Amino acid sequence: MKLNPREAEGYFSKPDADKTGLLIYGADAMRVALKRQQVLAALLGANAEEEMRLTRLPGSDLRSDPALLLDAVKAVGFFPGPRAVFVEDTTDAAAPAILGALEDWTPGDAQIIVTAGQLKASSKIRKAFEAHRSAYAVGIYDDPPSRAEVERVLSEAGLRKIPNDSMSAIAELASGISPGDFAQTIEKLSLYKRGDSSDLTIEDVEACAPRSTEAALDDVLNVVAEGRAGEIGPLIRRLQSQGTNAVSLCIGATRHFRTLYACASDPGGAAQGIGKLRPPVYGKRRDRILRQAQGWGAQKLQTALTVLTDTDLSLRSAGQTAPAMALVERAMIRLAMLARTR
């Protein structure tokens, strides 16, 4: 049977020990691995490997020895409790072994958990699991995690006192980084808050979130918007060493100053305008953007956007001979000097 994403999330949390098996497939190996870890932990408990109730088989081994899987499925365990055979990185080359094990499976046998990369609809393994009355097939796609999934991960990590603004910040973070980075961030948060019974704050999230090129770009843009011209050069050199090019930096600056202009030009004032931003901003970042928008004002921000537009046109000009990053750095310094004027 085929499970849709909503059904799959519930099944991963509470798998049926009486079912024949489960196929988890998808292009992102990390996403597939995280779901496999979740379902095996829920199905077998914490000590499955120590009690020899979990058998691991590489999918490549089944091509040369198709009977390997069925032997593992039928093997009698020494310890009580549910058993599973996990077949990793499977392709259709292992289809004969997997289809044979599904056909010969009987109640009391170990459950068959299979993971694979992206499988076409014509895949023999995928067809077999989707057509089986007592087995499931789940496709894992590159969609950001749902709110319910984020809440589950936080609960499993022991993080429960989470205000709405912090939860929104975590959900936004989850949609912007890889599943592996998100899992590591939650683990860091759990250790960071160990023994601390206070609410999880946005500052806590920011302290544990991974620092990326985007974060380094934010540092440059905040320095520019706050008029700290002397700090611009070193930060731009760091961005350049990380592979950021001049056009990307100019685009990022334009986006930031458009955000400030949207706040400053709101008829109700910047404090009202910042509440209309989508996606919304929270915590210290919200306070910083509001402070910058109020400090600049709509008129100076129009001038800043003109400077950035002219710089972008110069960067894209076929006749441009000056170094691209030098042009952007000059524009940034000019904006930082403009921020100081009244």
C-alpha atoms as a PDB file:
ATOM      1  CA  MET A   1       0.000   0.000   0.000  1.00  0.00           C
ATOM      2  CA  LYS A   2       1.082   3.543  -0.675  1.00  0.00           C
ATOM      3  CA  LEU A   3       1.103   6.085   2.137  1.00  0.00           C
ATOM      4  CA  ASN A   4       0.722   9.804   1.493  1.00  0.00           C
ATOM      5  CA  PRO A   5       2.965  12.224   3.473  1.00  0.00           C
ATOM      6  CA  ARG A   6       0.387  12.888   6.208  1.00  0.00           C
ATOM      7  CA  GLU A   7      -0.345   9.187   6.728  1.00  0.00           C
ATOM      8  CA  ALA A   8       3.374   8.386   6.611  1.00  0.00           C
ATOM      9  CA  GLU A   9       4.240  10.813   9.423  1.00  0.00           C
ATOM     10  CA  GLY A  10       1.768   9.082  11.719  1.00  0.00           C
ATOM     11  CA  TYR A  11       2.988   5.628  10.702  1.00  0.00           C
ATOM     12  CA  PHE A  12       6.652   6.486  11.274  1.00  0.00           C
ATOM     13  CA  SER A  13       5.773   7.419  14.864  1.00  0.00           C
ATOM     14  CA  LYS A  14       3.627   4.321  15.489  1.00  0.00           C
ATOM     15  CA  PRO A  15       4.467   1.520  13.025  1.00  0.00           C
ATOM     16  CA  ASP A  16       2.392  -1.668  13.057  1.00  0.00           C
ATOM     17  CA  ALA A  17       4.533  -4.581  14.286  1.00  0.00           C
ATOM     18  CA  ASP A  18       2.232  -7.078  12.523  1.00  0.00           C
ATOM     19  CA  LYS A  19       2.837  -5.711   9.019  1.00  0.00           C
ATOM     20  CA  THR A  20       5.099  -7.388   6.471  1.00  0.00           C
ATOM     21  CA  GLY A  21       7.348  -4.453   5.727  1.00  0.00           C
ATOM     22  CA  LEU A  22       8.002  -0.888   4.704  1.00  0.00           C
ATOM     23  CA  LEU A  23       9.808   0.687   1.745  1.00  0.00           C
ATOM     24  CA  ILE A  24      11.207   4.201   2.219  1.00  0.00           C
ATOM     25  CA  TYR A  25      12.642   5.799  -0.915  1.00  0.00           C
ATOM     26  CA  GLY A  26      13.733   9.254  -2.024  1.00  0.00           C
ATOM     27  CA  ALA A  27      16.460  11.284  -3.704  1.00  0.00           C
ATOM     28  CA  ASP A  28      17.777  12.807  -0.451  1.00  0.00           C
ATOM     29  CA  ALA A  29      19.653  10.047   1.389  1.00  0.00           C
ATOM     30  CA  MET A  30      19.715  12.014   4.657  1.00  0.00           C
ATOM     31  CA  ARG A  31      15.928  12.479   4.710  1.00  0.00           C
ATOM     32  CA  VAL A  32      15.427   8.773   4.005  1.00  0.00           C
ATOM     33  CA  ALA A  33      17.925   7.805   6.725  1.00  0.00           C
ATOM     34  CA  LEU A  34      16.234  10.000   9.339  1.00  0.00           C
ATOM     35  CA  LYS A  35      12.837   8.445   8.616  1.00  0.00           C
ATOM     36  CA  ARG A  36      14.343   4.956   8.718  1.00  0.00           C
ATOM     37  CA  GLN A  37      15.910   5.708  12.108  1.00  0.00           C
ATOM     38  CA  GLN A  38      12.585   6.999  13.401  1.00  0.00           C
ATOM     39  CA  VAL A  39      10.535   4.007  12.305  1.00  0.00           C
ATOM     40  CA  LEU A  40      13.067   1.407  13.519  1.00  0.00           C
ATOM     41  CA  ALA A  41      13.293   3.074  16.930  1.00  0.00           C
ATOM     42  CA  ALA A  42       9.492   3.165  17.230  1.00  0.00           C
ATOM     43  CA  LEU A  43       9.098  -0.419  15.993  1.00  0.00           C
ATOM     44  CA  LEU A  44      11.890  -2.180  17.891  1.00  0.00           C
ATOM     45  CA  GLY A  45      12.730   0.009  20.879  1.00  0.00           C
ATOM     46  CA  ALA A  46      16.103   1.193  22.110  1.00  0.00           C
ATOM     47  CA  ASN A  47      18.005  -2.094  22.559  1.00  0.00           C
ATOM     48  CA  ALA A  48      17.145  -3.925  19.332  1.00  0.00           C
ATOM     49  CA  GLU A  49      20.730  -4.313  18.107  1.00  0.00           C
ATOM     50  CA  GLU A  50      22.073  -5.471  21.477  1.00  0.00           C
ATOM     51  CA  GLU A  51      19.269  -8.048  21.651  1.00  0.00           C
ATOM     52  CA  MET A  52      19.913  -9.118  18.056  1.00  0.00           C
ATOM     53  CA  ARG A  53      16.381  -8.222  16.964  1.00  0.00           C
ATOM     54  CA  LEU A  54      17.666  -6.069  14.085  1.00  0.00           C
ATOM     55  CA  THR A  55      19.587  -7.479  11.122  1.00  0.00           C
ATOM     56  CA  ARG A  56      21.273  -5.124   8.644  1.00  0.00           C
ATOM     57  CA  LEU A  57      21.877  -6.169   5.033  1.00  0.00           C
ATOM     58  CA  PRO A  58      23.397  -4.066   2.221  1.00  0.00           C
ATOM     59  CA  GLY A  59      21.142  -4.186  -0.814  1.00  0.00           C
ATOM     60  CA  SER A  60      24.132  -5.010  -3.015  1.00  0.00           C
ATOM     61  CA  ASP A  61      24.646  -8.321  -1.155  1.00  0.00           C
ATOM     62  CA  LEU A  62      21.233  -9.609  -2.237  1.00  0.00           C
ATOM     63  CA  ARG A  63      22.210  -9.633  -5.890  1.00  0.00           C
ATOM     64  CA  SER A  64      24.784 -12.379  -5.393  1.00  0.00           C
ATOM     65  CA  ASP A  65      22.919 -14.181  -2.605  1.00  0.00           C
ATOM     66  CA  PRO A  66      19.124 -13.749  -2.952  1.00  0.00           C
ATOM     67  CA  ALA A  67      18.422 -16.253  -0.139  1.00  0.00           C
ATOM     68  CA  LEU A  68      20.207 -14.029   2.390  1.00  0.00           C
ATOM     69  CA  LEU A  69      17.138 -11.874   3.027  1.00  0.00           C
ATOM     70  CA  LEU A  70      14.628 -14.693   3.434  1.00  0.00           C
ATOM     71  CA  ASP A  71      16.987 -16.543   5.788  1.00  0.00           C
ATOM     72  CA  ALA A  72      17.237 -13.427   7.972  1.00  0.00           C
ATOM     73  CA  VAL A  73      13.475 -12.887   7.908  1.00  0.00           C
ATOM     74  CA  LYS A  74      12.775 -16.474   9.000  1.00  0.00           C
ATOM     75  CA  ALA A  75      15.544 -16.669  11.627  1.00  0.00           C
ATOM     76  CA  VAL A  76      14.323 -17.193  15.188  1.00  0.00           C
ATOM     77  CA  GLY A  77      15.521 -14.616  17.692  1.00  0.00           C
ATOM     78  CA  PHE A  78      17.015 -15.307  21.116  1.00  0.00           C
ATOM     79  CA  PHE A  79      15.185 -12.402  22.775  1.00  0.00           C
ATOM     80  CA  PRO A  80      11.447 -11.664  22.858  1.00  0.00           C
ATOM     81  CA  GLY A  81      10.033  -8.688  21.016  1.00  0.00           C
ATOM     82  CA  PRO A  82       9.501  -7.506  17.447  1.00  0.00           C
ATOM     83  CA  ARG A  83      12.259  -8.163  14.895  1.00  0.00           C
ATOM     84  CA  ALA A  84      13.223  -6.464  11.648  1.00  0.00           C
ATOM     85  CA  VAL A  85      15.594  -6.937   8.739  1.00  0.00           C
ATOM     86  CA  PHE A  86      16.855  -3.642   7.374  1.00  0.00           C
ATOM     87  CA  VAL A  87      17.979  -3.652   3.726  1.00  0.00           C
ATOM     88  CA  GLU A  88      19.955  -0.506   2.913  1.00  0.00           C
ATOM     89  CA  ASP A  89      20.612   1.302  -0.396  1.00  0.00           C
ATOM     90  CA  THR A  90      18.505  -1.051  -2.470  1.00  0.00           C
ATOM     91  CA  THR A  91      18.094  -1.022  -6.253  1.00  0.00           C
ATOM     92  CA  ASP A  92      16.006  -3.141  -8.595  1.00  0.00           C
ATOM     93  CA  ALA A  93      18.998  -5.482  -8.875  1.00  0.00           C
ATOM     94  CA  ALA A  94      17.829  -6.853  -5.509  1.00  0.00           C
ATOM     95  CA  ALA A  95      14.207  -7.152  -6.631  1.00  0.00           C
ATOM     96  CA  PRO A  96      14.149 -10.999  -6.918  1.00  0.00           C
ATOM     97  CA  ALA A  97      15.296 -11.409  -3.307  1.00  0.00           C
ATOM     98  CA  ILE A  98      12.914  -8.766  -1.938  1.00  0.00           C
ATOM     99  CA  LEU A  99       9.890  -9.932  -3.922  1.00  0.00           C
ATOM    100  CA  GLY A 100      10.551 -13.517  -2.846  1.00  0.00           C
ATOM    101  CA  ALA A 101      10.795 -12.505   0.827  1.00  0.00           C
ATOM    102  CA  LEU A 102       7.547 -10.520   0.614  1.00  0.00           C
ATOM    103  CA  GLU A 103       5.772 -13.490  -0.956  1.00  0.00           C
ATOM    104  CA  ASP A 104       7.056 -16.029   1.606  1.00  0.00           C
ATOM    105  CA  TRP A 105       6.585 -13.802   4.663  1.00  0.00           C
ATOM    106  CA  THR A 106       4.253 -15.198   7.364  1.00  0.00           C
ATOM    107  CA  PRO A 107       3.112 -13.772  10.719  1.00  0.00           C
ATOM    108  CA  GLY A 108       5.886 -14.037  13.273  1.00  0.00           C
ATOM    109  CA  ASP A 109       8.648 -13.382  10.755  1.00  0.00           C
ATOM    110  CA  ALA A 110      10.885 -10.307  11.018  1.00  0.00           C
ATOM    111  CA  GLN A 111       9.494  -7.190   9.380  1.00  0.00           C
ATOM    112  CA  ILE A 112      11.262  -6.135   6.168  1.00  0.00           C
ATOM    113  CA  ILE A 113      12.421  -2.496   6.175  1.00  0.00           C
ATOM    114  CA  VAL A 114      13.915  -1.378   2.857  1.00  0.00           C
ATOM    115  CA  THR A 115      15.469   1.976   1.919  1.00  0.00           C
ATOM    116  CA  ALA A 116      16.301   3.104  -1.590  1.00  0.00           C
ATOM    117  CA  GLY A 117      17.132   6.172  -3.627  1.00  0.00           C
ATOM    118  CA  GLN A 118      14.694   7.730  -6.064  1.00  0.00           C
ATOM    119  CA  LEU A 119      12.578   4.943  -7.585  1.00  0.00           C
ATOM    120  CA  LYS A 120      10.538   5.311 -10.755  1.00  0.00           C
ATOM    121  CA  ALA A 121       6.887   4.263 -10.773  1.00  0.00           C
ATOM    122  CA  SER A 122       7.931   1.291 -12.898  1.00  0.00           C
ATOM    123  CA  SER A 123      10.394   0.018 -10.251  1.00  0.00           C
ATOM    124  CA  LYS A 124       9.731  -3.636  -9.405  1.00  0.00           C
ATOM    125  CA  ILE A 125      10.441  -3.066  -5.718  1.00  0.00           C
ATOM    126  CA  ARG A 126       8.191  -0.024  -5.495  1.00  0.00           C
ATOM    127  CA  LYS A 127       5.374  -1.807  -7.345  1.00  0.00           C
ATOM    128  CA  ALA A 128       5.678  -4.824  -5.044  1.00  0.00           C
ATOM    129  CA  PHE A 129       5.347  -2.789  -1.846  1.00  0.00           C
ATOM    130  CA  GLU A 130       2.550  -0.593  -3.213  1.00  0.00           C
ATOM    131  CA  ALA A 131       0.552  -3.640  -4.343  1.00  0.00           C
ATOM    132  CA  HIS A 132       1.106  -5.685  -1.164  1.00  0.00           C
ATOM    133  CA  ARG A 133      -1.850  -5.839   1.228  1.00  0.00           C
ATOM    134  CA  SER A 134       0.342  -5.909   4.338  1.00  0.00           C
ATOM    135  CA  ALA A 135       3.284  -3.704   3.365  1.00  0.00           C
ATOM    136  CA  TYR A 136       3.711   0.025   2.825  1.00  0.00           C
ATOM    137  CA  ALA A 137       5.668   2.241   0.433  1.00  0.00           C
ATOM    138  CA  VAL A 138       6.542   5.849   1.267  1.00  0.00           C
ATOM    139  CA  GLY A 139       8.236   8.395  -0.988  1.00  0.00           C
ATOM    140  CA  ILE A 140      10.311  11.034   0.815  1.00  0.00           C
ATOM    141  CA  TYR A 141      10.513  14.345  -1.034  1.00  0.00           C
ATOM    142  CA  ASP A 142      12.493  17.552  -0.516  1.00  0.00           C
ATOM    143  CA  ASP A 143       9.599  19.393   1.119  1.00  0.00           C
ATOM    144  CA  PRO A 144      10.297  21.384   4.297  1.00  0.00           C
ATOM    145  CA  PRO A 145       9.128  19.601   7.464  1.00  0.00           C
ATOM    146  CA  SER A 146       5.586  20.279   8.605  1.00  0.00           C
ATOM    147  CA  ARG A 147       4.817  22.066  11.870  1.00  0.00           C
ATOM    148  CA  ALA A 148       3.716  18.742  13.378  1.00  0.00           C
ATOM    149  CA  GLU A 149       6.992  17.107  12.363  1.00  0.00           C
ATOM    150  CA  VAL A 150       9.031  19.942  13.886  1.00  0.00           C
ATOM    151  CA  GLU A 151       7.021  19.679  17.113  1.00  0.00           C
ATOM    152  CA  ARG A 152       7.645  15.908  17.237  1.00  0.00           C
ATOM    153  CA  VAL A 153      11.413  16.352  16.824  1.00  0.00           C
ATOM    154  CA  LEU A 154      11.467  18.975  19.583  1.00  0.00           C
ATOM    155  CA  SER A 155       9.409  16.784  21.913  1.00  0.00           C
ATOM    156  CA  GLU A 156      11.683  13.790  21.338  1.00  0.00           C
ATOM    157  CA  ALA A 157      14.659  16.006  22.217  1.00  0.00           C
ATOM    158  CA  GLY A 158      12.998  16.969  25.504  1.00  0.00           C
ATOM    159  CA  LEU A 159      12.289  20.568  24.429  1.00  0.00           C
ATOM    160  CA  ARG A 160       8.728  21.371  25.469  1.00  0.00           C
ATOM    161  CA  LYS A 161       8.504  24.887  26.903  1.00  0.00           C
ATOM    162  CA  ILE A 162       8.539  26.703  23.555  1.00  0.00           C
ATOM    163  CA  PRO A 163       6.656  30.017  23.068  1.00  0.00           C
ATOM    164  CA  ASN A 164       4.965  30.701  19.729  1.00  0.00           C
ATOM    165  CA  ASP A 165       7.623  33.124  18.476  1.00  0.00           C
ATOM    166  CA  SER A 166      10.407  30.623  19.189  1.00  0.00           C
ATOM    167  CA  MET A 167       8.439  27.832  17.525  1.00  0.00           C
ATOM    168  CA  SER A 168       7.940  30.002  14.434  1.00  0.00           C
ATOM    169  CA  ALA A 169      11.663  30.772  14.333  1.00  0.00           C
ATOM    170  CA  ILE A 170      12.517  27.053  14.566  1.00  0.00           C
ATOM    171  CA  ALA A 171      10.010  26.183  11.817  1.00  0.00           C
ATOM    172  CA  GLU A 172      11.545  28.876   9.602  1.00  0.00           C
ATOM    173  CA  LEU A 173      15.027  27.521  10.346  1.00  0.00           C
ATOM    174  CA  ALA A 174      13.899  23.968   9.500  1.00  0.00           C
ATOM    175  CA  SER A 175      12.702  25.084   6.078  1.00  0.00           C
ATOM    176  CA  GLY A 176      16.006  26.784   5.263  1.00  0.00           C
ATOM    177  CA  ILE A 177      18.626  24.169   6.194  1.00  0.00           C
ATOM    178  CA  SER A 178      19.197  20.508   5.387  1.00  0.00           C
ATOM    179  CA  PRO A 179      17.535  17.771   7.500  1.00  0.00           C
ATOM    180  CA  GLY A 180      20.912  16.704   8.867  1.00  0.00           C
ATOM    181  CA  ASP A 181      21.805  20.262   9.923  1.00  0.00           C
ATOM    182  CA  PHE A 182      18.368  20.659  11.510  1.00  0.00           C
ATOM    183  CA  ALA A 183      18.758  17.413  13.478  1.00  0.00           C
ATOM    184  CA  GLN A 184      22.176  18.579  14.726  1.00  0.00           C
ATOM    185  CA  THR A 185      20.744  21.985  15.668  1.00  0.00           C
ATOM    186  CA  ILE A 186      17.983  20.402  17.760  1.00  0.00           C
ATOM    187  CA  GLU A 187      20.536  18.140  19.446  1.00  0.00           C
ATOM    188  CA  LYS A 188      22.652  21.192  20.284  1.00  0.00           C
ATOM    189  CA  LEU A 189      19.564  22.999  21.598  1.00  0.00           C
ATOM    190  CA  SER A 190      18.733  20.015  23.799  1.00  0.00           C
ATOM    191  CA  LEU A 191      22.226  20.037  25.314  1.00  0.00           C
ATOM    192  CA  TYR A 192      22.218  23.844  25.556  1.00  0.00           C
ATOM    193  CA  LYS A 193      18.976  23.806  27.594  1.00  0.00           C
ATOM    194  CA  ARG A 194      19.864  20.776  29.710  1.00  0.00           C
ATOM    195  CA  GLY A 195      19.054  21.578  33.327  1.00  0.00           C
ATOM    196  CA  ASP A 196      17.420  24.871  32.303  1.00  0.00           C
ATOM    197  CA  SER A 197      13.670  24.877  32.945  1.00  0.00           C
ATOM    198  CA  SER A 198      13.018  28.313  31.438  1.00  0.00           C
ATOM    199  CA  ASP A 199      11.251  28.859  28.111  1.00  0.00           C
ATOM    200  CA  LEU A 200      13.220  28.315  24.920  1.00  0.00           C
ATOM    201  CA  THR A 201      13.955  31.779  23.530  1.00  0.00           C
ATOM    202  CA  ILE A 202      14.823  32.990  20.053  1.00  0.00           C
ATOM    203  CA  GLU A 203      18.257  33.897  21.437  1.00  0.00           C
ATOM    204  CA  ASP A 204      18.728  30.216  22.372  1.00  0.00           C
ATOM    205  CA  VAL A 205      17.804  29.186  18.829  1.00  0.00           C
ATOM    206  CA  GLU A 206      20.186  31.719  17.300  1.00  0.00           C
ATOM    207  CA  ALA A 207      23.003  30.548  19.588  1.00  0.00           C
ATOM    208  CA  CYS A 208      22.671  26.970  18.312  1.00  0.00           C
ATOM    209  CA  ALA A 209      21.756  27.582  14.671  1.00  0.00           C
ATOM    210  CA  PRO A 210      24.483  26.834  12.108  1.00  0.00           C
ATOM    211  CA  ARG A 211      26.468  29.780  10.842  1.00  0.00           C
ATOM    212  CA  SER A 212      26.299  29.875   7.059  1.00  0.00           C
ATOM    213  CA  THR A 213      27.307  32.132   4.195  1.00  0.00           C
ATOM    214  CA  GLU A 214      23.854  33.691   4.515  1.00  0.00           C
ATOM    215  CA  ALA A 215      24.582  34.539   8.146  1.00  0.00           C
ATOM    216  CA  ALA A 216      27.897  36.102   7.147  1.00  0.00           C
ATOM    217  CA  LEU A 217      26.051  38.137   4.510  1.00  0.00           C
ATOM    218  CA  ASP A 218      23.647  39.357   7.194  1.00  0.00           C
ATOM    219  CA  ASP A 219      26.647  40.524   9.226  1.00  0.00           C
ATOM    220  CA  VAL A 220      27.873  42.678   6.317  1.00  0.00           C
ATOM    221  CA  LEU A 221      24.439  44.140   5.649  1.00  0.00           C
ATOM    222  CA  ASN A 222      23.872  45.024   9.291  1.00  0.00           C
ATOM    223  CA  VAL A 223      27.277  46.719   9.457  1.00  0.00           C
ATOM    224  CA  VAL A 224      26.402  48.760   6.350  1.00  0.00           C
ATOM    225  CA  ALA A 225      22.907  49.676   7.557  1.00  0.00           C
ATOM    226  CA  GLU A 226      24.280  50.751  10.936  1.00  0.00           C
ATOM    227  CA  GLY A 227      26.983  52.985   9.416  1.00  0.00           C
ATOM    228  CA  ARG A 228      30.042  51.025  10.620  1.00  0.00           C
ATOM    229  CA  ALA A 229      32.130  51.656   7.510  1.00  0.00           C
ATOM    230  CA  GLY A 230      35.431  50.523   9.023  1.00  0.00           C
ATOM    231  CA  GLU A 231      34.173  46.936   9.449  1.00  0.00           C
ATOM    232  CA  ILE A 232      33.009  46.457   5.864  1.00  0.00           C
ATOM    233  CA  GLY A 233      36.304  45.498   4.195  1.00  0.00           C
ATOM    234  CA  PRO A 234      37.232  42.502   6.408  1.00  0.00           C
ATOM    235  CA  LEU A 235      33.696  41.100   6.276  1.00  0.00           C
ATOM    236  CA  ILE A 236      33.595  41.344   2.488  1.00  0.00           C
ATOM    237  CA  ARG A 237      36.965  39.559   2.282  1.00  0.00           C
ATOM    238  CA  ARG A 238      35.546  36.748   4.416  1.00  0.00           C
ATOM    239  CA  LEU A 239      32.488  36.436   2.202  1.00  0.00           C
ATOM    240  CA  GLN A 240      34.692  36.421  -0.891  1.00  0.00           C
ATOM    241  CA  SER A 241      36.810  33.602   0.582  1.00  0.00           C
ATOM    242  CA  GLN A 242      33.601  31.593   1.105  1.00  0.00           C
ATOM    243  CA  GLY A 243      32.760  31.889  -2.588  1.00  0.00           C
ATOM    244  CA  THR A 244      30.274  34.756  -2.557  1.00  0.00           C
ATOM    245  CA  ASN A 245      30.495  36.826  -5.737  1.00  0.00           C
ATOM    246  CA  ALA A 246      29.851  40.533  -6.204  1.00  0.00           C
ATOM    247  CA  VAL A 247      26.464  40.136  -7.914  1.00  0.00           C
ATOM    248  CA  SER A 248      25.142  37.915  -5.110  1.00  0.00           C
ATOM    249  CA  LEU A 249      26.318  40.411  -2.518  1.00  0.00           C
ATOM    250  CA  CYS A 250      24.647  43.283  -4.380  1.00  0.00           C
ATOM    251  CA  ILE A 251      21.396  41.305  -4.693  1.00  0.00           C
ATOM    252  CA  GLY A 252      21.465  40.502  -0.976  1.00  0.00           C
ATOM    253  CA  ALA A 253      22.028  44.150  -0.100  1.00  0.00           C
ATOM    254  CA  THR A 254      19.182  45.237  -2.373  1.00  0.00           C
ATOM    255  CA  ARG A 255      16.844  42.724  -0.722  1.00  0.00           C
ATOM    256  CA  HIS A 256      17.800  43.947   2.750  1.00  0.00           C
ATOM    257  CA  PHE A 257      17.295  47.619   1.924  1.00  0.00           C
ATOM    258  CA  ARG A 258      13.979  46.876   0.219  1.00  0.00           C
ATOM    259  CA  THR A 259      12.869  45.236   3.471  1.00  0.00           C
ATOM    260  CA  LEU A 260      13.898  48.347   5.385  1.00  0.00           C
ATOM    261  CA  TYR A 261      12.083  50.554   2.855  1.00  0.00           C
ATOM    262  CA  ALA A 262       8.896  48.462   3.137  1.00  0.00           C
ATOM    263  CA  CYS A 263       8.928  49.114   6.885  1.00  0.00           C
ATOM    264  CA  ALA A 264       9.895  52.778   6.757  1.00  0.00           C
ATOM    265  CA  SER A 265       7.415  53.700   4.019  1.00  0.00           C
ATOM    266  CA  ASP A 266       4.376  52.120   5.670  1.00  0.00           C
ATOM    267  CA  PRO A 267       1.650  54.751   6.313  1.00  0.00           C
ATOM    268  CA  GLY A 268       1.353  53.540   9.887  1.00  0.00           C
ATOM    269  CA  GLY A 269       5.067  53.861  10.532  1.00  0.00           C
ATOM    270  CA  ALA A 270       7.938  51.385  10.637  1.00  0.00           C
ATOM    271  CA  ALA A 271       6.590  49.634  13.766  1.00  0.00           C
ATOM    272  CA  GLN A 272       3.407  48.788  11.869  1.00  0.00           C
ATOM    273  CA  GLY A 273       5.201  48.046   8.610  1.00  0.00           C
ATOM    274  CA  ILE A 274       7.485  45.432  10.145  1.00  0.00           C
ATOM    275  CA  GLY A 275       4.438  43.456  11.215  1.00  0.00           C
ATOM    276  CA  LYS A 276       3.432  43.108   7.555  1.00  0.00           C
ATOM    277  CA  LEU A 277       6.689  41.477   6.422  1.00  0.00           C
ATOM    278  CA  ARG A 278       6.405  38.008   4.903  1.00  0.00           C
ATOM    279  CA  PRO A 279       7.941  35.796   6.066  1.00  0.00           C
ATOM    280  CA  PRO A 280       7.644  37.448   9.468  1.00  0.00           C
ATOM    281  CA  VAL A 281      10.723  38.279  11.554  1.00  0.00           C
ATOM    282  CA  TYR A 282      11.103  37.729  15.284  1.00  0.00           C
ATOM    283  CA  GLY A 283      13.235  38.489  18.297  1.00  0.00           C
ATOM    284  CA  LYS A 284      16.492  40.400  18.040  1.00  0.00           C
ATOM    285  CA  ARG A 285      16.385  40.355  14.232  1.00  0.00           C
ATOM    286  CA  ARG A 286      12.993  42.078  14.303  1.00  0.00           C
ATOM    287  CA  ASP A 287      14.270  44.712  16.725  1.00  0.00           C
ATOM    288  CA  ARG A 288      17.363  45.306  14.597  1.00  0.00           C
ATOM    289  CA  ILE A 289      15.434  45.714  11.340  1.00  0.00           C
ATOM    290  CA  LEU A 290      12.972  48.072  13.020  1.00  0.00           C
ATOM    291  CA  ARG A 291      15.797  50.159  14.456  1.00  0.00           C
ATOM    292  CA  GLN A 292      17.537  50.359  11.075  1.00  0.00           C
ATOM    293  CA  ALA A 293      14.333  51.294   9.222  1.00  0.00           C
ATOM    294  CA  GLN A 294      13.520  54.036  11.706  1.00  0.00           C
ATOM    295  CA  GLY A 295      17.090  55.346  11.623  1.00  0.00           C
ATOM    296  CA  TRP A 296      17.235  55.559   7.843  1.00  0.00           C
ATOM    297  CA  GLY A 297      13.759  56.790   6.968  1.00  0.00           C
ATOM    298  CA  ALA A 298      12.023  56.252   3.637  1.00  0.00           C
ATOM    299  CA  GLN A 299      13.783  59.073   1.772  1.00  0.00           C
ATOM    300  CA  LYS A 300      17.351  57.951   2.531  1.00  0.00           C
ATOM    301  CA  LEU A 301      16.377  54.342   1.805  1.00  0.00           C
ATOM    302  CA  GLN A 302      15.214  55.413  -1.666  1.00  0.00           C
ATOM    303  CA  THR A 303      18.673  56.893  -2.227  1.00  0.00           C
ATOM    304  CA  ALA A 304      20.307  53.669  -0.986  1.00  0.00           C
ATOM    305  CA  LEU A 305      18.244  51.569  -3.394  1.00  0.00           C
ATOM    306  CA  THR A 306      19.270  53.884  -6.246  1.00  0.00           C
ATOM    307  CA  VAL A 307      22.956  53.379  -5.358  1.00  0.00           C
ATOM    308  CA  LEU A 308      22.494  49.598  -5.304  1.00  0.00           C
ATOM    309  CA  THR A 309      20.575  49.588  -8.599  1.00  0.00           C
ATOM    310  CA  ASP A 310      23.324  51.614 -10.302  1.00  0.00           C
ATOM    311  CA  THR A 311      25.951  49.256  -8.865  1.00  0.00           C
ATOM    312  CA  ASP A 312      24.066  46.213 -10.119  1.00  0.00           C
ATOM    313  CA  LEU A 313      23.831  47.719 -13.610  1.00  0.00           C
ATOM    314  CA  SER A 314      27.561  48.459 -13.571  1.00  0.00           C
ATOM    315  CA  LEU A 315      28.361  44.883 -12.553  1.00  0.00           C
ATOM    316  CA  ARG A 316      26.309  43.524 -15.438  1.00  0.00           C
ATOM    317  CA  SER A 317      27.677  46.000 -17.993  1.00  0.00           C
ATOM    318  CA  ALA A 318      29.713  44.461 -20.801  1.00  0.00           C
ATOM    319  CA  GLY A 319      32.131  47.394 -20.735  1.00  0.00           C
ATOM    320  CA  GLN A 320      32.884  47.210 -17.010  1.00  0.00           C
ATOM    321  CA  THR A 321      36.641  46.935 -16.330  1.00  0.00           C
ATOM    322  CA  ALA A 322      36.939  47.682 -12.592  1.00  0.00           C
ATOM    323  CA  PRO A 323      37.083  44.662 -10.219  1.00  0.00           C
ATOM    324  CA  ALA A 324      33.508  43.647  -9.401  1.00  0.00           C
ATOM    325  CA  MET A 325      33.977  43.181  -5.663  1.00  0.00           C
ATOM    326  CA  ALA A 326      35.726  46.561  -5.403  1.00  0.00           C
ATOM    327  CA  LEU A 327      32.665  48.207  -6.971  1.00  0.00           C
ATOM    328  CA  VAL A 328      30.377  46.564  -4.421  1.00  0.00           C
ATOM    329  CA  GLU A 329      32.666  47.440  -1.514  1.00  0.00           C
ATOM    330  CA  ARG A 330      32.725  51.076  -2.617  1.00  0.00           C
ATOM    331  CA  ALA A 331      28.915  51.092  -2.787  1.00  0.00           C
ATOM    332  CA  MET A 332      28.686  49.557   0.687  1.00  0.00           C
ATOM    333  CA  ILE A 333      31.037  52.163   2.171  1.00  0.00           C
ATOM    334  CA  ARG A 334      29.019  54.902   0.471  1.00  0.00           C
ATOM    335  CA  LEU A 335      25.829  53.518   2.050  1.00  0.00           C
ATOM    336  CA  ALA A 336      27.454  53.267   5.471  1.00  0.00           C
ATOM    337  CA  MET A 337      28.492  56.936   5.230  1.00  0.00           C
ATOM    338  CA  LEU A 338      24.960  57.825   4.133  1.00  0.00           C
ATOM    339  CA  ALA A 339      23.583  56.059   7.236  1.00  0.00           C
ATOM    340  CA  ARG A 340      25.459  58.579   9.416  1.00  0.00           C
ATOM    341  CA  THR A 341      23.938  61.661   7.799  1.00  0.00           C
ATOM    342  CA  ARG A 342      20.914  63.381   9.249  1.00  0.00           C
END
